[in-house]
Amino acid sequence: MEDEKQKVKDQILQLLKRQGAQTAAALAAQLQISPMAVRQHLQQLQAGEWVTYQEERRPIGRPVKLWQLTARSLERFPNSHADLIVDLFHGTIARFGVEGLEQLISDRSHRQIETYRARLLELMPIADWKQTVAGIAQLRTQEGYMAEVIEQADGTLLLVENHCPICIAAHHCPQLCSAELETFRAICGTTVTVERVEHLLSGDRRCAYRIGPVLSQSMG
């Protein structure tokens, strides 16, 4: 019984991580259990400081509680040995200076691009840009980023990373985020634009990239 309760709590945390703030009723509908049961789990998670809520006023009726993750909840998701990475960054700067760190990140980015290209070729030998983005999301999910692709009304795609396993390291070394953006651009090619529209380090709850084909300009 306790294992089943813990499983539901983990599912709630996963939903809040992927989808952002939710009402108890919305969570209950997705988990196919009663709202009362969800509220009990949320109260227990709140007592453990894993979740909190904000009240949102609606035009009709009482305010609703929108439940969301706390900063402590990051402990429940992998961080890819963040402390070790931060120590290595500081050591690199002390030994080789900022230029040495930038070269290290650049070398890592080039290797990552080569690795992604090879793995994407295995996944889909012939791919259009949308398939490429889907492949990137699959690879990033395997690395712990909880990535997904959301198609937009204008035909572009939103590549979303619901978790950053190197978030702590990125706070100490923002160049990692710049390298990530350039990696996606290199993989998608020159016929596709990649723009970061949400950024964890800017206070957003996730990182997201709008990706779409380059619009051809009409000749005057």
C-alpha atoms as a PDB file:
ATOM      1  CA  MET A   1       0.000   0.000   0.000  1.00  0.00           C
ATOM      2  CA  GLU A   2       2.789   2.428   0.923  1.00  0.00           C
ATOM      3  CA  ASP A   3       4.561   1.627  -2.341  1.00  0.00           C
ATOM      4  CA  GLU A   4       1.392   2.464  -4.264  1.00  0.00           C
ATOM      5  CA  LYS A   5       0.999   5.770  -2.405  1.00  0.00           C
ATOM      6  CA  GLN A   6       4.603   6.687  -3.129  1.00  0.00           C
ATOM      7  CA  LYS A   7       4.087   5.816  -6.784  1.00  0.00           C
ATOM      8  CA  VAL A   8       1.174   8.282  -6.972  1.00  0.00           C
ATOM      9  CA  LYS A   9       3.258  10.992  -5.276  1.00  0.00           C
ATOM     10  CA  ASP A  10       6.044  10.433  -7.803  1.00  0.00           C
ATOM     11  CA  GLN A  11       3.534  10.685 -10.643  1.00  0.00           C
ATOM     12  CA  ILE A  12       2.239  13.978  -9.246  1.00  0.00           C
ATOM     13  CA  LEU A  13       5.766  15.383  -9.113  1.00  0.00           C
ATOM     14  CA  GLN A  14       6.398  14.217 -12.677  1.00  0.00           C
ATOM     15  CA  LEU A  15       3.217  15.901 -13.946  1.00  0.00           C
ATOM     16  CA  LEU A  16       4.044  19.169 -12.181  1.00  0.00           C
ATOM     17  CA  LYS A  17       7.565  19.009 -13.576  1.00  0.00           C
ATOM     18  CA  ARG A  18       6.401  18.453 -17.137  1.00  0.00           C
ATOM     19  CA  GLN A  19       3.288  20.618 -17.216  1.00  0.00           C
ATOM     20  CA  GLY A  20       3.801  23.303 -14.603  1.00  0.00           C
ATOM     21  CA  ALA A  21       1.218  24.472 -12.072  1.00  0.00           C
ATOM     22  CA  GLN A  22      -1.922  22.324 -11.895  1.00  0.00           C
ATOM     23  CA  THR A  23      -5.113  22.161  -9.867  1.00  0.00           C
ATOM     24  CA  ALA A  24      -5.846  19.049  -7.821  1.00  0.00           C
ATOM     25  CA  ALA A  25      -8.788  18.338 -10.123  1.00  0.00           C
ATOM     26  CA  ALA A  26      -6.585  18.471 -13.241  1.00  0.00           C
ATOM     27  CA  LEU A  27      -4.050  16.131 -11.642  1.00  0.00           C
ATOM     28  CA  ALA A  28      -6.825  13.758 -10.572  1.00  0.00           C
ATOM     29  CA  ALA A  29      -8.210  13.597 -14.119  1.00  0.00           C
ATOM     30  CA  GLN A  30      -4.817  12.619 -15.519  1.00  0.00           C
ATOM     31  CA  LEU A  31      -4.077  10.082 -12.783  1.00  0.00           C
ATOM     32  CA  GLN A  32      -7.630   8.718 -12.891  1.00  0.00           C
ATOM     33  CA  ILE A  33      -8.089   8.913  -9.143  1.00  0.00           C
ATOM     34  CA  SER A  34     -10.364  11.085  -7.013  1.00  0.00           C
ATOM     35  CA  PRO A  35      -9.558  14.772  -6.385  1.00  0.00           C
ATOM     36  CA  MET A  36      -9.788  14.061  -2.652  1.00  0.00           C
ATOM     37  CA  ALA A  37      -7.041  11.435  -2.923  1.00  0.00           C
ATOM     38  CA  VAL A  38      -4.861  13.849  -4.900  1.00  0.00           C
ATOM     39  CA  ARG A  39      -5.375  16.578  -2.292  1.00  0.00           C
ATOM     40  CA  GLN A  40      -4.254  14.192   0.438  1.00  0.00           C
ATOM     41  CA  HIS A  41      -1.082  13.391  -1.502  1.00  0.00           C
ATOM     42  CA  LEU A  42      -0.485  17.081  -2.191  1.00  0.00           C
ATOM     43  CA  GLN A  43      -0.840  17.933   1.482  1.00  0.00           C
ATOM     44  CA  GLN A  44       1.734  15.283   2.364  1.00  0.00           C
ATOM     45  CA  LEU A  45       4.077  16.546  -0.346  1.00  0.00           C
ATOM     46  CA  GLN A  46       3.572  20.086   0.918  1.00  0.00           C
ATOM     47  CA  ALA A  47       4.466  18.981   4.453  1.00  0.00           C
ATOM     48  CA  GLY A  48       7.710  17.615   3.027  1.00  0.00           C
ATOM     49  CA  GLU A  49       8.309  20.930   1.198  1.00  0.00           C
ATOM     50  CA  TRP A  50       8.198  19.248  -2.205  1.00  0.00           C
ATOM     51  CA  VAL A  51       5.236  21.295  -3.486  1.00  0.00           C
ATOM     52  CA  THR A  52       3.496  24.567  -2.715  1.00  0.00           C
ATOM     53  CA  TYR A  53       0.546  26.427  -4.171  1.00  0.00           C
ATOM     54  CA  GLN A  54      -0.690  29.832  -5.191  1.00  0.00           C
ATOM     55  CA  GLU A  55      -4.328  30.863  -5.245  1.00  0.00           C
ATOM     56  CA  GLU A  56      -5.723  32.074  -8.555  1.00  0.00           C
ATOM     57  CA  ARG A  57      -8.935  34.048  -8.648  1.00  0.00           C
ATOM     58  CA  ARG A  58     -11.517  33.066 -11.246  1.00  0.00           C
ATOM     59  CA  PRO A  59     -14.356  35.239 -12.635  1.00  0.00           C
ATOM     60  CA  ILE A  60     -16.901  32.924 -11.024  1.00  0.00           C
ATOM     61  CA  GLY A  61     -16.592  30.971  -7.821  1.00  0.00           C
ATOM     62  CA  ARG A  62     -13.909  30.679  -5.193  1.00  0.00           C
ATOM     63  CA  PRO A  63     -10.164  31.024  -5.905  1.00  0.00           C
ATOM     64  CA  VAL A  64      -8.473  27.784  -6.956  1.00  0.00           C
ATOM     65  CA  LYS A  65      -5.180  26.405  -5.726  1.00  0.00           C
ATOM     66  CA  LEU A  66      -2.527  25.975  -8.407  1.00  0.00           C
ATOM     67  CA  TRP A  67       0.019  23.475  -7.143  1.00  0.00           C
ATOM     68  CA  GLN A  68       3.645  23.725  -8.246  1.00  0.00           C
ATOM     69  CA  LEU A  69       7.062  22.345  -7.369  1.00  0.00           C
ATOM     70  CA  THR A  70       9.371  23.948  -4.836  1.00  0.00           C
ATOM     71  CA  ALA A  71      13.102  24.489  -5.246  1.00  0.00           C
ATOM     72  CA  ARG A  72      13.670  21.479  -3.003  1.00  0.00           C
ATOM     73  CA  SER A  73      11.940  19.236  -5.554  1.00  0.00           C
ATOM     74  CA  LEU A  74      15.058  19.413  -7.725  1.00  0.00           C
ATOM     75  CA  GLU A  75      16.494  16.829  -5.341  1.00  0.00           C
ATOM     76  CA  ARG A  76      14.004  14.313  -6.756  1.00  0.00           C
ATOM     77  CA  PHE A  77      15.432  14.620 -10.261  1.00  0.00           C
ATOM     78  CA  PRO A  78      18.934  13.678 -11.480  1.00  0.00           C
ATOM     79  CA  ASN A  79      21.600  16.395 -11.434  1.00  0.00           C
ATOM     80  CA  SER A  80      24.422  14.555 -13.251  1.00  0.00           C
ATOM     81  CA  HIS A  81      26.980  14.995 -10.459  1.00  0.00           C
ATOM     82  CA  ALA A  82      26.593  18.785 -10.436  1.00  0.00           C
ATOM     83  CA  ASP A  83      28.980  19.342  -7.522  1.00  0.00           C
ATOM     84  CA  LEU A  84      31.761  17.507  -9.320  1.00  0.00           C
ATOM     85  CA  ILE A  85      31.176  19.505 -12.511  1.00  0.00           C
ATOM     86  CA  VAL A  86      31.262  22.808 -10.614  1.00  0.00           C
ATOM     87  CA  ASP A  87      34.531  21.825  -8.936  1.00  0.00           C
ATOM     88  CA  LEU A  88      36.012  20.950 -12.323  1.00  0.00           C
ATOM     89  CA  PHE A  89      34.952  24.316 -13.745  1.00  0.00           C
ATOM     90  CA  HIS A  90      36.536  26.203 -10.865  1.00  0.00           C
ATOM     91  CA  GLY A  91      39.693  24.128 -11.175  1.00  0.00           C
ATOM     92  CA  THR A  92      39.902  24.762 -14.911  1.00  0.00           C
ATOM     93  CA  ILE A  93      39.557  28.523 -14.427  1.00  0.00           C
ATOM     94  CA  ALA A  94      42.193  28.514 -11.674  1.00  0.00           C
ATOM     95  CA  ARG A  95      44.623  26.564 -13.842  1.00  0.00           C
ATOM     96  CA  PHE A  96      43.905  27.787 -17.373  1.00  0.00           C
ATOM     97  CA  GLY A  97      41.790  30.934 -16.955  1.00  0.00           C
ATOM     98  CA  VAL A  98      38.382  31.735 -18.423  1.00  0.00           C
ATOM     99  CA  GLU A  99      39.742  31.173 -21.936  1.00  0.00           C
ATOM    100  CA  GLY A 100      40.669  27.633 -20.971  1.00  0.00           C
ATOM    101  CA  LEU A 101      37.135  26.964 -19.706  1.00  0.00           C
ATOM    102  CA  GLU A 102      35.593  28.366 -22.896  1.00  0.00           C
ATOM    103  CA  GLN A 103      37.853  26.123 -24.980  1.00  0.00           C
ATOM    104  CA  LEU A 104      36.856  23.125 -22.856  1.00  0.00           C
ATOM    105  CA  ILE A 105      33.159  23.855 -23.405  1.00  0.00           C
ATOM    106  CA  SER A 106      33.724  24.429 -27.126  1.00  0.00           C
ATOM    107  CA  ASP A 107      35.496  21.081 -27.466  1.00  0.00           C
ATOM    108  CA  ARG A 108      32.694  19.357 -25.581  1.00  0.00           C
ATOM    109  CA  SER A 109      30.111  20.987 -27.837  1.00  0.00           C
ATOM    110  CA  HIS A 110      31.858  19.795 -30.995  1.00  0.00           C
ATOM    111  CA  ARG A 111      32.019  16.231 -29.667  1.00  0.00           C
ATOM    112  CA  GLN A 112      28.356  16.409 -28.694  1.00  0.00           C
ATOM    113  CA  ILE A 113      27.359  17.578 -32.182  1.00  0.00           C
ATOM    114  CA  GLU A 114      29.251  14.670 -33.766  1.00  0.00           C
ATOM    115  CA  THR A 115      27.684  12.200 -31.324  1.00  0.00           C
ATOM    116  CA  TYR A 116      24.157  13.514 -31.905  1.00  0.00           C
ATOM    117  CA  ARG A 117      24.564  13.403 -35.672  1.00  0.00           C
ATOM    118  CA  ALA A 118      25.759   9.798 -35.541  1.00  0.00           C
ATOM    119  CA  ARG A 119      22.969   8.698 -33.193  1.00  0.00           C
ATOM    120  CA  LEU A 120      20.293  10.540 -35.180  1.00  0.00           C
ATOM    121  CA  LEU A 121      21.526   8.776 -38.318  1.00  0.00           C
ATOM    122  CA  GLU A 122      20.982   5.472 -36.551  1.00  0.00           C
ATOM    123  CA  LEU A 123      17.490   6.483 -35.408  1.00  0.00           C
ATOM    124  CA  MET A 124      16.335   7.866 -38.752  1.00  0.00           C
ATOM    125  CA  PRO A 125      18.630   7.553 -41.813  1.00  0.00           C
ATOM    126  CA  ILE A 126      16.488   9.989 -43.831  1.00  0.00           C
ATOM    127  CA  ALA A 127      14.793  12.698 -41.799  1.00  0.00           C
ATOM    128  CA  ASP A 128      13.108  16.028 -42.369  1.00  0.00           C
ATOM    129  CA  TRP A 129      13.591  18.835 -39.864  1.00  0.00           C
ATOM    130  CA  LYS A 130      10.593  17.810 -37.754  1.00  0.00           C
ATOM    131  CA  GLN A 131      11.876  14.262 -37.445  1.00  0.00           C
ATOM    132  CA  THR A 132      15.280  15.664 -36.508  1.00  0.00           C
ATOM    133  CA  VAL A 133      13.739  17.693 -33.680  1.00  0.00           C
ATOM    134  CA  ALA A 134      11.843  14.620 -32.471  1.00  0.00           C
ATOM    135  CA  GLY A 135      15.119  12.690 -32.527  1.00  0.00           C
ATOM    136  CA  ILE A 136      16.870  15.391 -30.513  1.00  0.00           C
ATOM    137  CA  ALA A 137      14.090  15.224 -27.915  1.00  0.00           C
ATOM    138  CA  GLN A 138      14.519  11.466 -27.681  1.00  0.00           C
ATOM    139  CA  LEU A 139      18.270  11.774 -27.154  1.00  0.00           C
ATOM    140  CA  ARG A 140      17.876  14.550 -24.599  1.00  0.00           C
ATOM    141  CA  THR A 141      15.308  12.524 -22.660  1.00  0.00           C
ATOM    142  CA  GLN A 142      17.780   9.663 -22.476  1.00  0.00           C
ATOM    143  CA  GLU A 143      20.212  12.162 -20.929  1.00  0.00           C
ATOM    144  CA  GLY A 144      17.721  13.179 -18.239  1.00  0.00           C
ATOM    145  CA  TYR A 145      16.233  16.364 -19.723  1.00  0.00           C
ATOM    146  CA  MET A 146      12.625  15.056 -19.833  1.00  0.00           C
ATOM    147  CA  ALA A 147      12.311  16.542 -23.321  1.00  0.00           C
ATOM    148  CA  GLU A 148       9.215  16.694 -25.487  1.00  0.00           C
ATOM    149  CA  VAL A 149       8.114  18.310 -28.740  1.00  0.00           C
ATOM    150  CA  ILE A 150       4.961  20.416 -28.936  1.00  0.00           C
ATOM    151  CA  GLU A 151       3.629  21.445 -32.342  1.00  0.00           C
ATOM    152  CA  GLN A 152       2.563  25.085 -32.532  1.00  0.00           C
ATOM    153  CA  ALA A 153      -0.364  26.607 -34.413  1.00  0.00           C
ATOM    154  CA  ASP A 154       1.969  28.331 -36.893  1.00  0.00           C
ATOM    155  CA  GLY A 155       3.656  25.061 -37.873  1.00  0.00           C
ATOM    156  CA  THR A 156       6.795  25.553 -35.785  1.00  0.00           C
ATOM    157  CA  LEU A 157       7.843  23.129 -33.061  1.00  0.00           C
ATOM    158  CA  LEU A 158       8.561  23.817 -29.413  1.00  0.00           C
ATOM    159  CA  LEU A 159      11.378  21.659 -28.091  1.00  0.00           C
ATOM    160  CA  VAL A 160      10.817  21.626 -24.341  1.00  0.00           C
ATOM    161  CA  GLU A 161      13.232  20.456 -21.663  1.00  0.00           C
ATOM    162  CA  ASN A 162      11.217  19.981 -18.476  1.00  0.00           C
ATOM    163  CA  HIS A 163      14.286  19.218 -16.401  1.00  0.00           C
ATOM    164  CA  CYS A 164      17.925  20.279 -16.528  1.00  0.00           C
ATOM    165  CA  PRO A 165      20.252  17.660 -15.034  1.00  0.00           C
ATOM    166  CA  ILE A 166      23.129  20.161 -15.140  1.00  0.00           C
ATOM    167  CA  CYS A 167      21.169  23.133 -13.774  1.00  0.00           C
ATOM    168  CA  ILE A 168      23.507  23.766 -10.835  1.00  0.00           C
ATOM    169  CA  ALA A 169      26.539  23.647 -13.117  1.00  0.00           C
ATOM    170  CA  ALA A 170      24.824  25.984 -15.604  1.00  0.00           C
ATOM    171  CA  HIS A 171      24.230  28.536 -12.844  1.00  0.00           C
ATOM    172  CA  HIS A 172      27.995  28.629 -12.289  1.00  0.00           C
ATOM    173  CA  CYS A 173      28.819  28.443 -15.987  1.00  0.00           C
ATOM    174  CA  PRO A 174      26.187  30.058 -18.288  1.00  0.00           C
ATOM    175  CA  GLN A 175      28.401  29.222 -21.280  1.00  0.00           C
ATOM    176  CA  LEU A 176      26.913  25.725 -21.096  1.00  0.00           C
ATOM    177  CA  CYS A 177      23.533  27.144 -22.098  1.00  0.00           C
ATOM    178  CA  SER A 178      25.042  29.078 -25.007  1.00  0.00           C
ATOM    179  CA  ALA A 179      26.752  25.909 -26.191  1.00  0.00           C
ATOM    180  CA  GLU A 180      23.462  24.007 -25.957  1.00  0.00           C
ATOM    181  CA  LEU A 181      21.718  26.523 -28.220  1.00  0.00           C
ATOM    182  CA  GLU A 182      24.536  26.384 -30.763  1.00  0.00           C
ATOM    183  CA  THR A 183      24.465  22.583 -30.680  1.00  0.00           C
ATOM    184  CA  PHE A 184      20.779  22.509 -31.605  1.00  0.00           C
ATOM    185  CA  ARG A 185      21.379  25.008 -34.398  1.00  0.00           C
ATOM    186  CA  ALA A 186      24.239  22.943 -35.791  1.00  0.00           C
ATOM    187  CA  ILE A 187      22.182  19.736 -35.715  1.00  0.00           C
ATOM    188  CA  CYS A 188      19.096  21.281 -37.322  1.00  0.00           C
ATOM    189  CA  GLY A 189      21.079  22.963 -40.105  1.00  0.00           C
ATOM    190  CA  THR A 190      20.975  26.307 -41.858  1.00  0.00           C
ATOM    191  CA  THR A 191      17.469  25.855 -43.301  1.00  0.00           C
ATOM    192  CA  VAL A 192      15.967  25.887 -39.796  1.00  0.00           C
ATOM    193  CA  THR A 193      15.905  28.591 -37.130  1.00  0.00           C
ATOM    194  CA  VAL A 194      16.319  27.758 -33.442  1.00  0.00           C
ATOM    195  CA  GLU A 195      15.386  30.362 -30.822  1.00  0.00           C
ATOM    196  CA  ARG A 196      15.384  29.944 -27.054  1.00  0.00           C
ATOM    197  CA  VAL A 197      12.052  31.302 -25.770  1.00  0.00           C
ATOM    198  CA  GLU A 198      12.115  30.030 -22.164  1.00  0.00           C
ATOM    199  CA  HIS A 199      15.163  29.690 -19.946  1.00  0.00           C
ATOM    200  CA  LEU A 200      15.513  28.142 -16.525  1.00  0.00           C
ATOM    201  CA  LEU A 201      18.306  30.529 -15.601  1.00  0.00           C
ATOM    202  CA  SER A 202      16.016  33.482 -16.387  1.00  0.00           C
ATOM    203  CA  GLY A 203      13.438  32.287 -13.884  1.00  0.00           C
ATOM    204  CA  ASP A 204      11.266  30.170 -16.177  1.00  0.00           C
ATOM    205  CA  ARG A 205      10.270  26.710 -14.970  1.00  0.00           C
ATOM    206  CA  ARG A 206      11.839  25.029 -18.000  1.00  0.00           C
ATOM    207  CA  CYS A 207      13.949  25.622 -21.104  1.00  0.00           C
ATOM    208  CA  ALA A 208      12.149  25.769 -24.444  1.00  0.00           C
ATOM    209  CA  TYR A 209      13.257  26.351 -28.028  1.00  0.00           C
ATOM    210  CA  ARG A 210      11.055  27.439 -30.917  1.00  0.00           C
ATOM    211  CA  ILE A 211      12.202  25.677 -34.080  1.00  0.00           C
ATOM    212  CA  GLY A 212      10.951  26.236 -37.611  1.00  0.00           C
ATOM    213  CA  PRO A 213      12.043  26.532 -41.227  1.00  0.00           C
ATOM    214  CA  VAL A 214      13.789  29.696 -42.386  1.00  0.00           C
ATOM    215  CA  LEU A 215      11.229  31.902 -44.100  1.00  0.00           C
ATOM    216  CA  SER A 216      12.301  32.715 -47.633  1.00  0.00           C
ATOM    217  CA  GLN A 217      12.198  36.430 -48.393  1.00  0.00           C
ATOM    218  CA  SER A 218      10.481  37.474 -51.569  1.00  0.00           C
ATOM    219  CA  MET A 219      12.681  39.297 -54.054  1.00  0.00           C
ATOM    220  CA  GLY A 220      11.668  42.921 -54.679  1.00  0.00           C
END
